[in-house]
Protein backbone atom coordinates (compact mmCIF):
# COMPACT_ATOMS: atom_id res chain seq x y z
CA MET A 1 2.31 17.52 90.93
CA THR A 2 0.95 18.80 94.29
CA PRO A 3 -2.08 20.81 94.10
CA THR A 4 -0.68 24.13 95.51
CA PRO A 5 -0.01 25.70 92.20
CA PHE A 6 -3.79 25.23 91.22
CA ILE A 7 -5.05 26.67 94.30
CA VAL A 8 -2.29 29.62 94.06
CA SER A 9 -3.82 30.09 90.69
CA ALA A 10 -7.03 29.80 92.00
CA LEU A 11 -6.53 32.23 94.55
CA LEU A 12 -5.15 34.91 92.05
CA ILE A 13 -8.23 34.61 89.72
CA LEU A 14 -10.41 35.25 92.78
CA ALA A 15 -8.31 38.26 93.51
CA ASN A 16 -8.88 39.63 90.00
CA THR A 17 -12.49 38.89 90.63
CA LEU A 18 -12.63 40.82 93.54
CA TYR A 19 -11.17 43.84 92.02
CA VAL A 20 -13.38 43.89 88.89
CA ALA A 21 -16.45 43.52 91.01
CA ALA A 22 -15.00 46.32 93.28
CA GLU A 23 -14.44 48.67 90.17
CA PHE A 24 -17.79 48.38 88.38
CA GLY A 25 -19.67 48.11 91.75
CA ALA A 26 -18.34 51.74 92.93
CA VAL A 27 -18.91 53.47 89.42
CA GLY A 28 -22.41 51.98 89.43
CA VAL A 29 -23.48 52.50 92.78
CA ARG A 30 -25.90 55.45 93.69
CA ARG A 31 -24.34 58.05 95.70
CA SER A 32 -27.71 58.91 97.36
CA ARG A 33 -28.11 55.20 97.94
CA VAL A 34 -24.98 55.08 99.89
CA ARG A 35 -25.59 57.91 102.00
CA ARG A 36 -29.04 56.70 102.98
CA LEU A 37 -27.85 53.34 104.08
CA ALA A 38 -24.85 55.17 106.00
CA GLU A 39 -27.32 57.24 107.93
CA ASP A 40 -29.58 54.08 108.69
CA GLY A 41 -26.34 52.91 110.78
CA ASN A 42 -24.86 50.51 107.75
CA GLY A 43 -21.29 50.13 108.65
CA LEU A 44 -20.19 49.19 105.42
CA ALA A 45 -22.11 52.11 103.70
CA ARG A 46 -20.38 54.31 105.94
CA ARG A 47 -16.93 53.13 104.81
CA LEU A 48 -17.93 53.14 101.16
CA LEU A 49 -19.33 56.71 101.24
CA PRO A 50 -15.96 58.56 101.51
CA PHE A 51 -14.85 56.94 98.40
CA VAL A 52 -17.89 57.76 96.20
CA ARG A 53 -18.73 61.04 97.66
CA THR A 54 -16.52 62.79 95.25
CA PRO A 55 -14.88 62.15 91.76
CA VAL A 56 -11.34 62.35 92.96
CA ALA A 57 -12.12 59.85 96.08
CA LEU A 58 -13.82 57.62 93.43
CA ASP A 59 -11.01 57.98 91.05
CA ARG A 60 -8.27 56.68 93.48
CA TYR A 61 -10.61 54.06 94.28
CA VAL A 62 -11.21 52.63 90.70
CA GLY A 63 -7.40 53.07 90.27
CA ALA A 64 -6.58 50.89 93.43
CA SER A 65 -8.95 48.50 91.52
CA GLN A 66 -7.01 48.47 88.32
CA ILE A 67 -3.70 47.95 89.98
CA GLY A 68 -5.18 45.10 91.62
CA ILE A 69 -6.31 43.65 88.40
CA THR A 70 -3.15 44.13 86.71
CA LEU A 71 -0.76 42.60 89.52
CA SER A 72 -3.00 39.80 89.67
CA SER A 73 -3.25 38.92 85.77
CA LEU A 74 0.58 39.24 85.48
CA VAL A 75 1.58 37.48 88.60
CA LEU A 76 -0.98 34.62 87.45
CA GLY A 77 0.64 34.63 84.13
CA ALA A 78 4.32 34.28 85.65
CA TYR A 79 3.58 31.98 88.35
CA ALA A 80 1.63 29.71 86.11
CA GLN A 81 4.32 29.18 83.87
CA ALA A 82 6.78 28.63 86.01
CA ALA A 83 4.56 26.21 88.46
CA VAL A 84 2.39 24.82 86.24
CA SER A 85 3.63 24.70 82.81
CA MET A 86 7.08 23.67 83.31
CA PRO A 87 6.15 20.47 85.39
CA LEU A 88 3.52 19.38 82.73
CA ALA A 89 5.97 19.61 80.02
CA PRO A 90 7.33 16.04 80.71
CA THR A 91 3.83 14.79 80.69
CA PHE A 92 3.07 16.52 77.40
CA ALA A 93 6.61 15.37 75.86
CA SER A 94 6.01 11.44 76.82
CA TYR A 95 2.08 11.46 75.93
CA PHE A 96 2.76 13.22 72.39
CA GLU A 97 6.24 11.85 72.02
CA LEU A 98 7.85 15.70 71.72
CA GLU A 99 11.06 17.02 72.12
CA PRO A 100 11.76 18.74 75.42
CA ASN A 101 11.75 22.23 73.97
CA THR A 102 8.72 21.56 72.25
CA ALA A 103 6.84 20.13 74.95
CA ARG A 104 7.60 22.90 77.15
CA THR A 105 6.54 25.15 74.44
CA VAL A 106 3.21 23.48 74.15
CA SER A 107 3.01 23.27 77.49
CA THR A 108 3.22 27.02 78.22
CA ILE A 109 0.53 27.66 75.76
CA VAL A 110 -2.12 25.16 76.78
CA VAL A 111 -1.69 26.53 80.41
CA LEU A 112 -1.90 29.92 79.56
CA ALA A 113 -4.97 29.13 77.19
CA VAL A 114 -6.86 27.70 79.85
CA LEU A 115 -5.94 30.37 82.76
CA THR A 116 -6.71 33.21 80.30
CA ALA A 117 -10.21 31.26 79.38
CA THR A 118 -10.87 30.84 83.18
CA GLN A 119 -9.93 34.29 84.05
CA LEU A 120 -11.94 35.61 81.33
CA VAL A 121 -15.11 34.19 82.61
CA ILE A 122 -14.43 34.03 86.17
CA GLY A 123 -12.32 36.93 86.78
CA GLU A 124 -13.76 39.44 84.45
CA LEU A 125 -17.33 38.68 82.82
CA VAL A 126 -19.04 37.13 85.72
CA PRO A 127 -18.23 39.98 88.57
CA LYS A 128 -19.01 42.37 85.96
CA ALA A 129 -22.18 41.34 85.24
CA LEU A 130 -23.04 40.71 88.82
CA ALA A 131 -21.90 44.33 89.78
CA LEU A 132 -24.10 45.95 87.06
CA GLN A 133 -26.77 44.11 88.17
CA TYR A 134 -26.35 44.57 91.81
CA PRO A 135 -23.77 47.68 92.35
CA THR A 136 -25.15 48.37 95.68
CA GLU A 137 -24.74 44.96 97.20
CA THR A 138 -21.50 44.57 95.19
CA ALA A 139 -19.94 47.79 96.26
CA LEU A 140 -20.51 46.89 99.79
CA ALA A 141 -19.30 43.49 99.88
CA THR A 142 -15.86 44.55 98.54
CA VAL A 143 -15.43 47.92 100.51
CA ILE A 144 -13.30 46.08 103.14
CA PRO A 145 -10.88 44.33 100.72
CA MET A 146 -10.47 47.71 98.80
CA ARG A 147 -9.83 49.76 101.89
CA ALA A 148 -6.64 47.52 102.57
CA SER A 149 -5.78 47.69 98.99
CA LEU A 150 -5.85 51.47 98.81
CA TRP A 151 -3.76 51.40 101.84
CA LEU A 152 -1.33 48.79 100.16
CA PHE A 153 -1.36 50.52 96.74
CA ARG A 154 -1.09 54.39 98.07
CA PRO A 155 2.92 54.77 96.60
CA PHE A 156 1.64 53.30 93.39
CA LEU A 157 -1.60 55.31 93.08
CA ALA A 158 0.42 58.65 93.88
CA LEU A 159 3.20 57.59 90.97
CA LEU A 160 0.84 56.26 88.42
CA ASN A 161 -1.88 59.10 88.72
CA GLY A 162 1.07 61.67 88.69
CA THR A 163 2.69 60.28 85.75
CA ALA A 164 -0.84 59.94 83.86
CA THR A 165 -1.63 63.92 84.76
CA LEU A 166 1.89 64.85 83.27
CA ILE A 167 1.36 62.81 80.07
CA LEU A 168 -2.14 64.40 79.71
CA ARG A 169 -0.88 67.86 80.30
CA LEU A 170 1.83 67.26 77.42
CA PHE A 171 -1.21 66.51 75.24
CA GLY A 172 -3.18 69.76 76.35
CA SER A 173 -5.68 68.01 78.47
CA ARG A 174 -6.18 67.10 81.87
CA MET A 175 -7.37 64.27 84.13
CA GLU A 176 -10.82 63.76 85.03
CA GLY A 177 -12.18 61.76 87.92
CA HIS A 178 -14.80 59.20 87.34
CA ARG A 179 -18.34 60.82 87.92
CA HIS A 180 -21.80 59.20 88.37
CA LEU A 181 -23.10 61.32 85.59
CA HIS A 182 -25.60 60.46 82.58
CA SER A 183 -26.57 62.75 79.67
CA PRO A 184 -30.33 63.58 79.03
CA GLU A 185 -30.38 60.92 76.00
CA GLU A 186 -28.99 58.32 78.43
CA ILE A 187 -31.64 59.26 81.30
CA GLU A 188 -34.50 59.09 78.66
CA LEU A 189 -33.06 55.95 78.11
CA LEU A 190 -33.16 54.63 81.74
CA ILE A 191 -36.48 55.94 82.40
CA ALA A 192 -37.62 54.21 79.14
CA GLU A 193 -36.05 50.74 80.37
CA SER A 194 -37.68 51.30 83.95
CA ARG A 195 -41.01 51.46 82.52
CA ASP A 196 -40.60 48.55 80.31
CA GLY A 197 -39.32 46.77 83.41
CA GLY A 198 -42.85 47.75 85.31
CA LEU A 199 -40.93 50.03 87.57
CA LEU A 200 -42.76 53.39 86.22
CA GLU A 201 -46.26 53.89 85.29
CA PRO A 202 -47.16 55.27 81.86
CA ASN A 203 -47.77 58.54 82.90
CA GLU A 204 -44.86 58.63 85.42
CA GLN A 205 -42.81 58.04 82.55
CA GLN A 206 -44.44 61.17 80.66
CA ARG A 207 -43.92 63.33 83.63
CA LEU A 208 -40.24 62.35 83.71
CA HIS A 209 -39.88 62.96 79.93
CA ARG A 210 -41.68 66.49 80.14
CA ALA A 211 -39.34 67.21 83.21
CA LEU A 212 -36.11 66.11 81.37
CA ALA A 213 -37.55 68.50 78.15
CA LEU A 214 -38.10 71.82 80.12
CA SER A 215 -34.23 73.02 79.61
CA ARG A 216 -34.93 72.73 75.81
CA ARG A 217 -38.17 74.93 75.80
CA SER A 218 -37.83 78.54 76.23
CA ALA A 219 -40.16 81.25 77.68
CA ARG A 220 -41.59 81.94 74.36
CA ASP A 221 -42.66 78.58 73.95
CA LEU A 222 -44.74 78.05 76.78
CA MET A 223 -45.87 82.37 76.95
CA VAL A 224 -49.72 83.19 76.15
CA PRO A 225 -48.93 85.89 73.46
CA ARG A 226 -49.87 89.46 73.85
CA ASP A 227 -52.52 89.11 71.43
CA LYS A 228 -54.49 87.12 73.69
CA LEU A 229 -53.89 88.94 76.77
CA THR A 230 -56.65 91.00 78.54
CA GLY A 231 -54.89 93.83 79.31
CA LEU A 232 -55.75 97.52 80.79
CA PRO A 233 -54.17 101.11 79.64
CA ILE A 234 -52.63 102.59 82.91
CA ASP A 235 -54.80 105.74 81.93
CA ALA A 236 -57.98 103.94 81.91
CA ASP A 237 -61.12 105.37 83.61
CA TRP A 238 -62.43 103.91 86.78
CA GLU A 239 -65.44 102.84 84.92
CA ASP A 240 -63.32 101.01 82.14
CA VAL A 241 -61.42 98.92 84.73
CA VAL A 242 -64.52 97.65 86.73
CA ARG A 243 -66.04 96.91 83.36
CA THR A 244 -62.98 94.60 82.14
CA VAL A 245 -62.15 93.42 85.49
CA ALA A 246 -66.05 92.03 85.85
CA SER A 247 -66.08 90.36 82.11
CA SER A 248 -62.77 88.83 82.56
CA PRO A 249 -61.95 85.36 84.01
CA PHE A 250 -58.52 86.39 85.37
CA SER A 251 -57.42 87.22 88.86
CA ARG A 252 -54.57 89.23 87.58
CA LEU A 253 -54.48 91.60 84.57
CA PRO A 254 -51.24 93.22 82.86
CA VAL A 255 -51.48 97.01 82.42
CA TYR A 256 -49.57 98.85 79.74
CA ARG A 257 -48.60 102.37 78.76
CA GLY A 258 -49.37 103.49 75.46
CA SER A 259 -49.47 99.88 73.87
CA ILE A 260 -49.51 96.30 74.99
CA GLU A 261 -45.97 96.19 74.29
CA GLN A 262 -44.86 98.30 77.26
CA ILE A 263 -46.50 96.27 80.24
CA VAL A 264 -45.48 98.19 83.13
CA GLY A 265 -46.96 96.15 85.99
CA THR A 266 -50.22 94.07 86.88
CA LEU A 267 -53.50 94.45 88.48
CA ARG A 268 -54.97 91.92 90.86
CA VAL A 269 -58.43 91.83 91.37
CA LYS A 270 -58.07 91.27 94.80
CA ASP A 271 -56.36 94.64 95.42
CA LEU A 272 -58.71 96.55 93.62
CA VAL A 273 -61.86 95.30 95.55
CA GLN A 274 -59.79 95.85 99.08
CA ARG A 275 -58.59 99.24 97.87
CA TYR A 276 -62.01 100.39 96.83
CA VAL A 277 -63.49 99.31 99.96
CA SER A 278 -60.97 101.20 102.19
CA GLU A 279 -60.21 104.35 100.02
CA GLY A 280 -63.01 104.38 97.07
CA ALA A 281 -62.14 104.82 93.52
CA LEU A 282 -58.51 105.24 92.88
CA PRO A 283 -56.16 105.73 89.68
CA LEU A 284 -54.88 102.43 88.19
CA ASP A 285 -51.15 103.77 88.56
CA ARG A 286 -51.64 103.39 92.77
CA LEU A 287 -53.62 99.76 92.43
CA ILE A 288 -50.88 97.99 90.05
CA ARG A 289 -48.07 96.15 91.20
CA PRO A 290 -44.50 95.67 89.36
CA ILE A 291 -43.99 92.69 87.12
CA LEU A 292 -41.06 90.49 86.63
CA GLN A 293 -39.12 90.69 83.46
CA LEU A 294 -37.86 87.73 81.57
CA PRO A 295 -36.12 87.41 78.18
CA GLU A 296 -38.02 85.48 75.51
CA THR A 297 -35.29 82.89 75.05
CA LEU A 298 -34.86 81.96 78.71
CA SER A 299 -35.16 78.24 79.60
CA ALA A 300 -38.31 76.84 81.12
CA ASP A 301 -36.39 75.52 84.40
CA ARG A 302 -34.92 78.97 84.75
CA VAL A 303 -38.09 80.46 84.38
CA ILE A 304 -39.35 78.35 87.61
CA ALA A 305 -36.49 79.12 89.21
CA LEU A 306 -36.69 82.69 88.89
CA LEU A 307 -40.29 82.76 89.77
CA ARG A 308 -39.47 81.01 92.75
CA GLU A 309 -36.81 83.20 93.74
CA ARG A 310 -38.54 86.51 93.15
CA ARG A 311 -41.94 85.18 94.42
CA ALA A 312 -43.84 85.74 91.62
CA HIS A 313 -46.87 84.34 89.86
CA HIS A 314 -46.22 85.64 86.75
CA ALA A 315 -43.63 87.31 84.56
CA VAL A 316 -43.80 89.51 81.32
CA VAL A 317 -41.97 87.76 78.30
CA VAL A 318 -39.89 90.67 76.55
CA ASP A 319 -37.73 90.34 73.14
CA THR A 320 -34.51 91.67 72.60
CA ASP A 321 -35.88 95.54 72.10
CA GLY A 322 -37.46 95.15 75.65
CA ARG A 323 -41.12 94.95 74.25
CA ALA A 324 -43.33 92.52 75.56
CA VAL A 325 -44.25 89.60 73.37
CA GLY A 326 -46.24 87.56 76.01
CA LEU A 327 -47.09 86.55 79.64
CA ILE A 328 -45.98 83.44 81.68
CA THR A 329 -47.20 82.01 84.49
CA ILE A 330 -46.34 79.63 87.00
CA GLN A 331 -49.16 77.22 85.70
CA ASP A 332 -47.99 77.51 82.26
CA VAL A 333 -44.73 75.86 83.14
CA LEU A 334 -46.33 73.45 85.31
CA GLY A 335 -48.99 72.62 82.49
CA GLU A 336 -45.86 71.60 80.56
CA LEU A 337 -44.24 69.49 83.19
CA LEU A 338 -47.44 67.79 84.73
CA GLY A 339 -50.09 68.50 81.81
CA PRO A 340 -52.70 71.24 81.57
CA PRO A 341 -53.93 72.28 84.86
CA ALA A 342 -57.54 72.16 85.63
CA VAL A 343 -57.78 75.87 86.69
CA ALA A 344 -54.78 78.41 85.96
CA ALA A 345 -55.09 82.02 87.38
CA GLY A 346 -53.23 84.81 85.38
CA GLY A 347 -53.95 87.02 82.60
CA GLY A 348 -54.35 85.09 79.26
CA ARG A 349 -55.74 82.06 80.59
CA PRO A 350 -58.90 81.37 82.69
């Protein structure tokens, strides 16, 4: 027997290896990493970036890989049976003294078993492990043959994707593209593994865990309760205002009307001093600034976003009836994220 059948079989197994590596490399590579490499002038990264930029493009890329894997496996099985097992049948017949039909059957089973084991190890397990361990390098190394495969398999991709979409619609579902997404639980596992691998310090791991937990904490969880606030009634006379400001460690004090449940604004000590120097003693309602109101159920990450959007230092937290239940500041949220701050300004904490 000539070596040609073995060379062709090896090439088909290597083709399967290529497509498996390309699929897992593209799914595992970080889009930000590819973009950074492309901006730095990496030609392979520039070729890969369009295929990982959107879920739809990535889905076509993975679809081409799956077509390549299927075709190489089918062609390998058919070719090996015709070009390898049939010529080996006489050898099995003479060596084991088998009937011709039995020898052909045994030869086919043996050849397919050997090729299946070889393809499973070399064509599946090895490239998958390498792609998961080195996704960026693998994705870049396979992008050029994958671009050619995308052009070659374009008609099949359109037909197969259309058929899959139609079948999913019949079941009331829709086709989702591949995405580089992780759930919060998966991200926490990745953080823990990074720390175990020495890539993160313990304090860095704690900060990252706190950042993930922000969305699960509400404004009520982080606020200063109203019974711990140092406030001023809006009709307080000048002497009471000065006395309260002088005895308070806070740079901002909430101002309420009637009771602390009805906070109408905030008094900045800086404003009090500046206006007193220029205009003398003034009624409190001319010194206060409006204060942002946030619902008590608002998540901590949304609290930060709204405070930044409104350029506010703090906000009053209200219940469903609009009554103040506490005060929350930027420091309260950052303290949850980074640990307690050394100095916090605002009503409720020194």
